[in-house]
Amino acid sequence: MKLATLRDGSRDGKLVLVNRALTRCTEASHIAPTLQAALDNWDRVLPKLETLAESLEHDAVPSLRFHEHDALSPLPRAYQWADGSAYVNHVELVRKARGAEMPSSFWTDPLMYQGGSDSFLAPRAPIRMADEAYGIDMEGEIAVVTGDVPMGATREEAAAAIRLVMLVNDVSLRGLIPAELGKGFGFFQSKPSSTFSPVAVTPDELGDAWDGCKLHLPLHVDLNGKPFGRANAGIDMTFDFPTLVAHAAKTRPLGAGTIVGSGTVSNKLDGGPGKPVTEGGVGYSCIAEIRMIETIEAGAAKTPFMRFGDTVRIEMLDAAGHSIFGAIEQMVEKHG
């Protein structure tokens, strides 16, 4: 089942179901007005949504053309957005490039920060920033949306609470991060509004690519129309999604609609840093990572962060080459 939120003049939009081909949609407001309302009452509304989705596939209900440009992020705002860093290869490179030793605990205890969740960007909305000097970067990620998760949940309870899967562009401002983290109080200004894919899908839609813990498909990240990253989200993921959800719930319950991100998808190559797509590698899901490798290998980074006019596209294809979640496609624009 594929769900999306379309603009209707309200903050939270209206819930629609989208067919597997991402070409048609049908309103689901008679079942649940918004995706959050559906998540709040998941056990009750799920059978009705599944019946409607099946009817949509057979053209048995009224439908409209689905345009990804009309979609908001599936949850235009959420009660909680917690982003992990499950691909420790990425963390290791970031620290190595600045000469910082990585604590051994990073391999056993997930990193996670609580991001702003009151204003997610639409998947085709521009990334507006006041200054290129902020170091504007994309971060291609996978995220899950949960139902209610009890405090102290086990991995099994956490896995059972995963309701939906979607893609993320976790925009980062690399030029602001060092000073902000140096204060010892975490991210804030350096993590502006994130963006999610036009469509969120139930795990059963992913078939064998979803094993209940990880999504085993390449994440396509293009920069200015050229392949930048093709890292496989199921490879080198040190902490899987049940582990991340259970980690987030260690000292607090998680409310329905909580979004938990994977962090930047990152693959090693023969045990070492990856290579660009143009050199036969799977590339990178953020600019910071290639800059780290350049710094390690040549002493200085040469790839610039995103500039006004640059465009990033993030998408995932199934085994037949069809888009699963639709595409995040955003241009960087000057604010003000």
Protein backbone atom coordinates (compact mmCIF):
# COMPACT_ATOMS: atom_id res chain seq x y z
CA MET A 1 0.00 0.00 0.00
CA LYS A 2 1.29 3.44 -0.94
CA LEU A 3 0.14 6.58 0.86
CA ALA A 4 0.67 10.25 0.09
CA THR A 5 -0.48 13.64 1.31
CA LEU A 6 -1.76 16.20 -1.20
CA ARG A 7 -2.12 19.92 -0.73
CA ASP A 8 -5.61 21.07 0.23
CA GLY A 9 -4.90 24.47 1.82
CA SER A 10 -4.42 23.08 5.33
CA ARG A 11 -1.18 22.48 7.22
CA ASP A 12 -1.50 18.70 7.18
CA GLY A 13 -2.99 18.17 3.72
CA LYS A 14 -5.32 15.31 2.79
CA LEU A 15 -4.57 11.60 2.74
CA VAL A 16 -4.69 9.73 -0.54
CA LEU A 17 -3.81 6.21 -1.61
CA VAL A 18 -1.57 5.88 -4.66
CA ASN A 19 -1.41 2.94 -7.03
CA ARG A 20 1.76 0.89 -7.38
CA ALA A 21 2.64 2.58 -10.67
CA LEU A 22 2.47 6.02 -8.98
CA THR A 23 0.12 7.23 -11.71
CA ARG A 24 -3.30 7.38 -10.02
CA CYS A 25 -4.58 8.23 -6.56
CA THR A 26 -7.85 8.16 -4.68
CA GLU A 27 -8.95 10.14 -1.64
CA ALA A 28 -8.99 8.32 1.68
CA SER A 29 -10.44 11.14 3.81
CA HIS A 30 -13.60 9.13 4.52
CA ILE A 31 -11.34 6.61 6.29
CA ALA A 32 -8.78 9.01 7.82
CA PRO A 33 -8.45 12.72 6.98
CA THR A 34 -4.65 12.75 7.35
CA LEU A 35 -1.82 10.27 7.56
CA GLN A 36 -1.32 11.12 11.22
CA ALA A 37 -4.98 10.31 11.89
CA ALA A 38 -4.50 6.97 10.15
CA LEU A 39 -1.41 6.19 12.25
CA ASP A 40 -3.27 7.13 15.44
CA ASN A 41 -5.94 4.55 14.62
CA TRP A 42 -3.89 2.10 12.56
CA ASP A 43 -5.41 -1.20 13.65
CA ARG A 44 -8.92 0.09 12.95
CA VAL A 45 -8.29 1.82 9.62
CA LEU A 46 -5.71 -0.53 8.07
CA PRO A 47 -8.25 -3.08 6.72
CA LYS A 48 -10.30 -0.26 5.16
CA LEU A 49 -7.23 1.32 3.60
CA GLU A 50 -6.10 -2.03 2.20
CA THR A 51 -9.51 -2.63 0.65
CA LEU A 52 -9.46 0.83 -0.92
CA ALA A 53 -5.92 0.31 -2.22
CA GLU A 54 -6.93 -2.95 -3.88
CA SER A 55 -9.94 -1.25 -5.45
CA LEU A 56 -7.66 1.47 -6.79
CA GLU A 57 -5.39 -1.11 -8.44
CA HIS A 58 -8.43 -2.53 -10.25
CA ASP A 59 -9.82 0.90 -11.24
CA ALA A 60 -12.90 0.14 -9.14
CA VAL A 61 -13.03 3.52 -7.36
CA PRO A 62 -12.90 7.13 -8.58
CA SER A 63 -9.31 8.27 -9.06
CA LEU A 64 -7.24 11.20 -10.20
CA ARG A 65 -3.90 11.51 -11.93
CA PHE A 66 -1.17 11.48 -9.26
CA HIS A 67 1.34 14.27 -9.71
CA GLU A 68 4.36 14.13 -7.42
CA HIS A 69 4.67 17.92 -7.63
CA ASP A 70 1.33 18.19 -5.80
CA ALA A 71 2.48 16.07 -2.87
CA LEU A 72 3.64 17.30 0.49
CA SER A 73 5.93 15.13 2.56
CA PRO A 74 3.72 12.19 3.66
CA LEU A 75 3.74 13.71 7.15
CA PRO A 76 4.03 17.48 6.54
CA ARG A 77 4.83 17.79 10.24
CA ALA A 78 5.33 15.11 12.84
CA TYR A 79 5.35 14.75 16.60
CA GLN A 80 8.90 13.40 16.43
CA TRP A 81 11.79 13.11 13.98
CA ALA A 82 14.77 11.19 15.34
CA ASP A 83 17.66 10.63 12.97
CA GLY A 84 20.27 7.97 13.60
CA SER A 85 23.65 7.34 12.02
CA ALA A 86 23.38 3.67 11.23
CA TYR A 87 26.14 3.55 8.61
CA VAL A 88 29.18 3.83 10.84
CA ASN A 89 31.44 3.92 7.77
CA HIS A 90 30.12 7.44 7.19
CA VAL A 91 30.83 8.51 10.78
CA GLU A 92 34.31 7.00 10.66
CA LEU A 93 35.20 8.92 7.50
CA VAL A 94 33.90 12.21 8.89
CA ARG A 95 36.00 11.88 12.03
CA LYS A 96 39.10 10.58 10.23
CA ALA A 97 39.13 13.55 7.89
CA ARG A 98 39.35 15.96 10.79
CA GLY A 99 41.91 13.85 12.64
CA ALA A 100 39.55 12.70 15.39
CA GLU A 101 39.70 9.15 16.69
CA MET A 102 36.38 7.33 16.66
CA PRO A 103 35.38 5.83 20.02
CA SER A 104 34.89 2.07 19.89
CA SER A 105 31.43 2.55 21.42
CA PHE A 106 30.22 4.00 18.11
CA TRP A 107 30.13 0.41 16.77
CA THR A 108 27.83 -0.78 19.56
CA ASP A 109 25.79 2.26 20.63
CA PRO A 110 23.90 4.16 17.88
CA LEU A 111 24.28 7.89 17.37
CA MET A 112 20.95 9.72 17.21
CA TYR A 113 19.75 13.30 17.30
CA GLN A 114 16.27 14.79 17.61
CA GLY A 115 15.55 16.99 14.59
CA GLY A 116 12.99 19.69 13.97
CA SER A 117 9.70 18.15 12.89
CA ASP A 118 7.29 21.10 12.73
CA SER A 119 7.90 22.01 9.07
CA PHE A 120 9.11 19.38 6.62
CA LEU A 121 9.67 20.47 3.04
CA ALA A 122 7.57 19.09 0.18
CA PRO A 123 9.53 16.64 -2.01
CA ARG A 124 9.75 19.12 -4.90
CA ALA A 125 10.09 22.28 -2.81
CA PRO A 126 13.29 24.33 -3.14
CA ILE A 127 15.94 24.34 -0.46
CA ARG A 128 16.12 28.03 0.40
CA MET A 129 19.18 29.29 2.25
CA ALA A 130 20.53 32.77 2.91
CA ASP A 131 24.20 31.98 2.27
CA GLU A 132 26.15 29.37 0.31
CA ALA A 133 28.85 29.66 2.99
CA TYR A 134 26.61 27.60 5.28
CA GLY A 135 27.95 24.54 3.42
CA ILE A 136 24.67 23.24 1.97
CA ASP A 137 24.64 19.46 1.68
CA MET A 138 22.09 16.74 0.95
CA GLU A 139 21.93 13.49 2.89
CA GLY A 140 20.16 10.60 1.21
CA GLU A 141 18.58 8.34 3.81
CA ILE A 142 15.84 5.79 4.51
CA ALA A 143 13.28 6.37 7.26
CA VAL A 144 10.57 4.37 8.97
CA VAL A 145 7.37 5.66 10.56
CA THR A 146 6.21 3.89 13.69
CA GLY A 147 3.03 3.26 15.57
CA ASP A 148 3.06 3.61 19.34
CA VAL A 149 6.22 2.14 20.85
CA PRO A 150 6.41 1.48 24.61
CA MET A 151 9.33 2.76 26.65
CA GLY A 152 12.02 0.11 26.91
CA ALA A 153 10.75 -1.74 23.84
CA THR A 154 12.63 -4.83 22.70
CA ARG A 155 13.94 -5.15 19.15
CA GLU A 156 11.00 -7.44 18.40
CA GLU A 157 8.48 -4.90 19.71
CA ALA A 158 10.23 -2.15 17.79
CA ALA A 159 10.14 -4.16 14.56
CA ALA A 160 6.42 -4.85 15.01
CA ALA A 161 5.77 -1.12 15.40
CA ILE A 162 7.17 -0.16 11.97
CA ARG A 163 4.23 0.98 9.86
CA LEU A 164 5.75 2.75 6.84
CA VAL A 165 9.00 3.27 4.96
CA MET A 166 10.05 6.37 2.99
CA LEU A 167 13.09 8.25 1.68
CA VAL A 168 14.71 11.31 3.23
CA ASN A 169 16.82 14.28 2.23
CA ASP A 170 18.20 15.34 5.59
CA VAL A 171 19.59 18.73 4.59
CA SER A 172 22.74 19.63 6.52
CA LEU A 173 24.66 22.88 6.76
CA ARG A 174 28.22 21.65 7.08
CA GLY A 175 29.71 25.09 7.64
CA LEU A 176 27.64 25.57 10.80
CA ILE A 177 28.06 22.09 12.29
CA PRO A 178 31.56 22.32 13.87
CA ALA A 179 30.89 25.46 15.92
CA GLU A 180 27.45 24.23 16.93
CA LEU A 181 28.69 20.82 18.08
CA GLY A 182 31.59 22.57 19.79
CA LYS A 183 29.10 24.08 22.22
CA GLY A 184 28.36 20.54 23.42
CA PHE A 185 24.62 20.84 23.02
CA GLY A 186 23.91 19.23 19.63
CA PHE A 187 22.48 20.25 16.25
CA PHE A 188 19.98 23.03 15.76
CA GLN A 189 20.71 25.75 13.18
CA SER A 190 22.87 23.34 11.19
CA LYS A 191 19.90 21.01 10.61
CA PRO A 192 17.14 22.90 8.74
CA SER A 193 13.88 21.37 7.50
CA SER A 194 14.21 17.86 6.09
CA THR A 195 12.33 16.46 3.09
CA PHE A 196 10.61 13.11 2.59
CA SER A 197 9.62 11.21 -0.54
CA PRO A 198 6.23 11.88 -2.20
CA VAL A 199 5.00 8.45 -1.11
CA ALA A 200 5.36 6.34 2.04
CA VAL A 201 4.85 2.60 1.62
CA THR A 202 3.88 -0.24 3.89
CA PRO A 203 6.73 -2.76 4.27
CA ASP A 204 4.84 -5.50 2.38
CA GLU A 205 5.08 -3.36 -0.79
CA LEU A 206 8.86 -3.82 -0.75
CA GLY A 207 8.77 -7.58 -1.19
CA ASP A 208 12.04 -9.41 -0.68
CA ALA A 209 13.94 -6.11 -0.56
CA TRP A 210 12.62 -5.59 2.98
CA ASP A 211 13.66 -8.23 5.52
CA GLY A 212 11.90 -6.62 8.47
CA CYS A 213 15.05 -4.81 9.50
CA LYS A 214 16.75 -3.30 6.44
CA LEU A 215 15.90 -2.19 2.90
CA HIS A 216 18.18 -3.98 0.44
CA LEU A 217 18.15 -1.71 -2.60
CA PRO A 218 20.45 1.00 -4.00
CA LEU A 219 19.58 4.59 -3.16
CA HIS A 220 19.88 6.74 -6.28
CA VAL A 221 21.28 10.20 -5.57
CA ASP A 222 21.84 12.51 -8.55
CA LEU A 223 23.50 15.92 -8.41
CA ASN A 224 22.75 18.31 -11.27
CA GLY A 225 21.46 15.44 -13.39
CA LYS A 226 24.51 13.21 -12.97
CA PRO A 227 24.81 10.03 -10.87
CA PHE A 228 26.38 10.87 -7.52
CA GLY A 229 25.40 7.92 -5.34
CA ARG A 230 24.15 4.36 -5.76
CA ALA A 231 24.94 2.99 -2.30
CA ASN A 232 22.91 -0.04 -1.26
CA ALA A 233 20.86 0.73 1.85
CA GLY A 234 21.05 -2.87 3.06
CA ILE A 235 24.86 -3.07 3.03
CA ASP A 236 27.15 -1.73 5.79
CA MET A 237 24.16 -0.75 7.95
CA THR A 238 25.65 -1.34 11.39
CA PHE A 239 22.38 -0.66 13.24
CA ASP A 240 19.14 -1.86 11.63
CA PHE A 241 15.78 -0.16 12.04
CA PRO A 242 14.46 -2.24 14.97
CA THR A 243 17.70 -1.42 16.81
CA LEU A 244 17.33 2.29 16.05
CA VAL A 245 13.66 2.37 17.11
CA ALA A 246 14.42 0.47 20.34
CA HIS A 247 17.32 2.85 21.02
CA ALA A 248 15.00 5.86 20.64
CA ALA A 249 12.50 4.24 23.03
CA LYS A 250 15.00 3.36 25.75
CA THR A 251 13.87 6.09 28.15
CA ARG A 252 10.60 7.30 26.62
CA PRO A 253 7.60 5.95 24.73
CA LEU A 254 7.35 6.91 21.06
CA GLY A 255 4.01 8.21 19.85
CA ALA A 256 2.38 7.00 16.66
CA GLY A 257 3.81 8.92 13.73
CA THR A 258 7.37 9.02 15.05
CA ILE A 259 9.86 9.11 12.17
CA VAL A 260 13.23 7.38 12.65
CA GLY A 261 15.93 7.94 10.04
CA SER A 262 18.86 5.75 9.09
CA GLY A 263 21.42 8.48 8.63
CA THR A 264 23.40 8.86 5.41
CA VAL A 265 23.47 5.64 3.40
CA SER A 266 27.13 4.73 2.95
CA ASN A 267 29.01 1.73 1.56
CA LYS A 268 32.62 0.71 1.88
CA LEU A 269 34.65 -0.63 -1.06
CA ASP A 270 36.89 -3.63 -0.36
CA GLY A 271 37.00 -2.59 3.29
CA GLY A 272 38.01 0.99 2.54
CA PRO A 273 36.42 4.28 1.45
CA GLY A 274 34.12 4.13 -1.55
CA LYS A 275 34.74 5.44 -5.06
CA PRO A 276 32.74 7.86 -7.21
CA VAL A 277 30.20 6.36 -9.61
CA THR A 278 32.30 7.67 -12.51
CA GLU A 279 35.21 5.52 -11.30
CA GLY A 280 33.20 2.32 -10.98
CA GLY A 281 32.14 2.72 -7.36
CA VAL A 282 28.71 3.24 -5.83
CA GLY A 283 29.44 6.84 -4.96
CA TYR A 284 28.04 8.74 -2.00
CA SER A 285 24.76 9.91 -0.52
CA CYS A 286 26.15 13.26 0.65
CA ILE A 287 28.85 15.66 -0.50
CA ALA A 288 30.60 15.64 2.87
CA GLU A 289 31.65 12.03 2.39
CA ILE A 290 33.48 12.55 -0.91
CA ARG A 291 35.11 15.64 0.62
CA MET A 292 36.32 13.51 3.51
CA ILE A 293 37.87 10.99 1.14
CA GLU A 294 39.52 13.78 -0.86
CA THR A 295 40.93 15.20 2.36
CA ILE A 296 42.23 11.80 3.48
CA GLU A 297 43.80 11.00 0.09
CA ALA A 298 44.99 14.43 -1.10
CA GLY A 299 45.09 16.59 2.01
CA ALA A 300 42.25 18.88 0.93
CA ALA A 301 38.66 18.69 -0.32
CA LYS A 302 37.95 19.80 -3.88
CA THR A 303 34.25 18.99 -4.37
CA PRO A 304 32.15 22.04 -3.41
CA PHE A 305 29.00 21.90 -1.36
CA MET A 306 25.74 22.78 -3.09
CA ARG A 307 25.37 26.23 -4.58
CA PHE A 308 22.37 28.28 -5.64
CA GLY A 309 20.94 26.66 -8.76
CA ASP A 310 22.17 23.15 -7.95
CA THR A 311 19.62 20.33 -7.99
CA VAL A 312 19.55 17.07 -6.04
CA ARG A 313 17.34 14.09 -6.87
CA ILE A 314 16.86 11.11 -4.52
CA GLU A 315 14.96 8.01 -5.62
CA MET A 316 14.84 4.23 -5.22
CA LEU A 317 13.91 1.73 -7.93
CA ASP A 318 12.58 -1.80 -7.57
CA ALA A 319 14.07 -4.81 -9.34
CA ALA A 320 12.07 -3.98 -12.47
CA GLY A 321 13.37 -0.41 -12.54
CA HIS A 322 10.16 1.24 -11.32
CA SER A 323 10.19 4.08 -8.80
CA ILE A 324 8.96 2.89 -5.40
CA PHE A 325 8.56 6.11 -3.42
CA GLY A 326 8.57 8.73 -6.16
CA ALA A 327 11.43 11.20 -6.28
CA ILE A 328 12.70 13.94 -4.01
CA GLU A 329 13.94 16.62 -6.41
CA GLN A 330 15.01 19.99 -5.02
CA MET A 331 16.87 23.04 -6.26
CA VAL A 332 18.91 25.20 -3.93
CA GLU A 333 17.67 28.80 -4.02
CA LYS A 334 18.66 31.99 -2.25
CA HIS A 335 16.38 32.96 0.60
CA GLY A 336 15.26 36.56 0.85
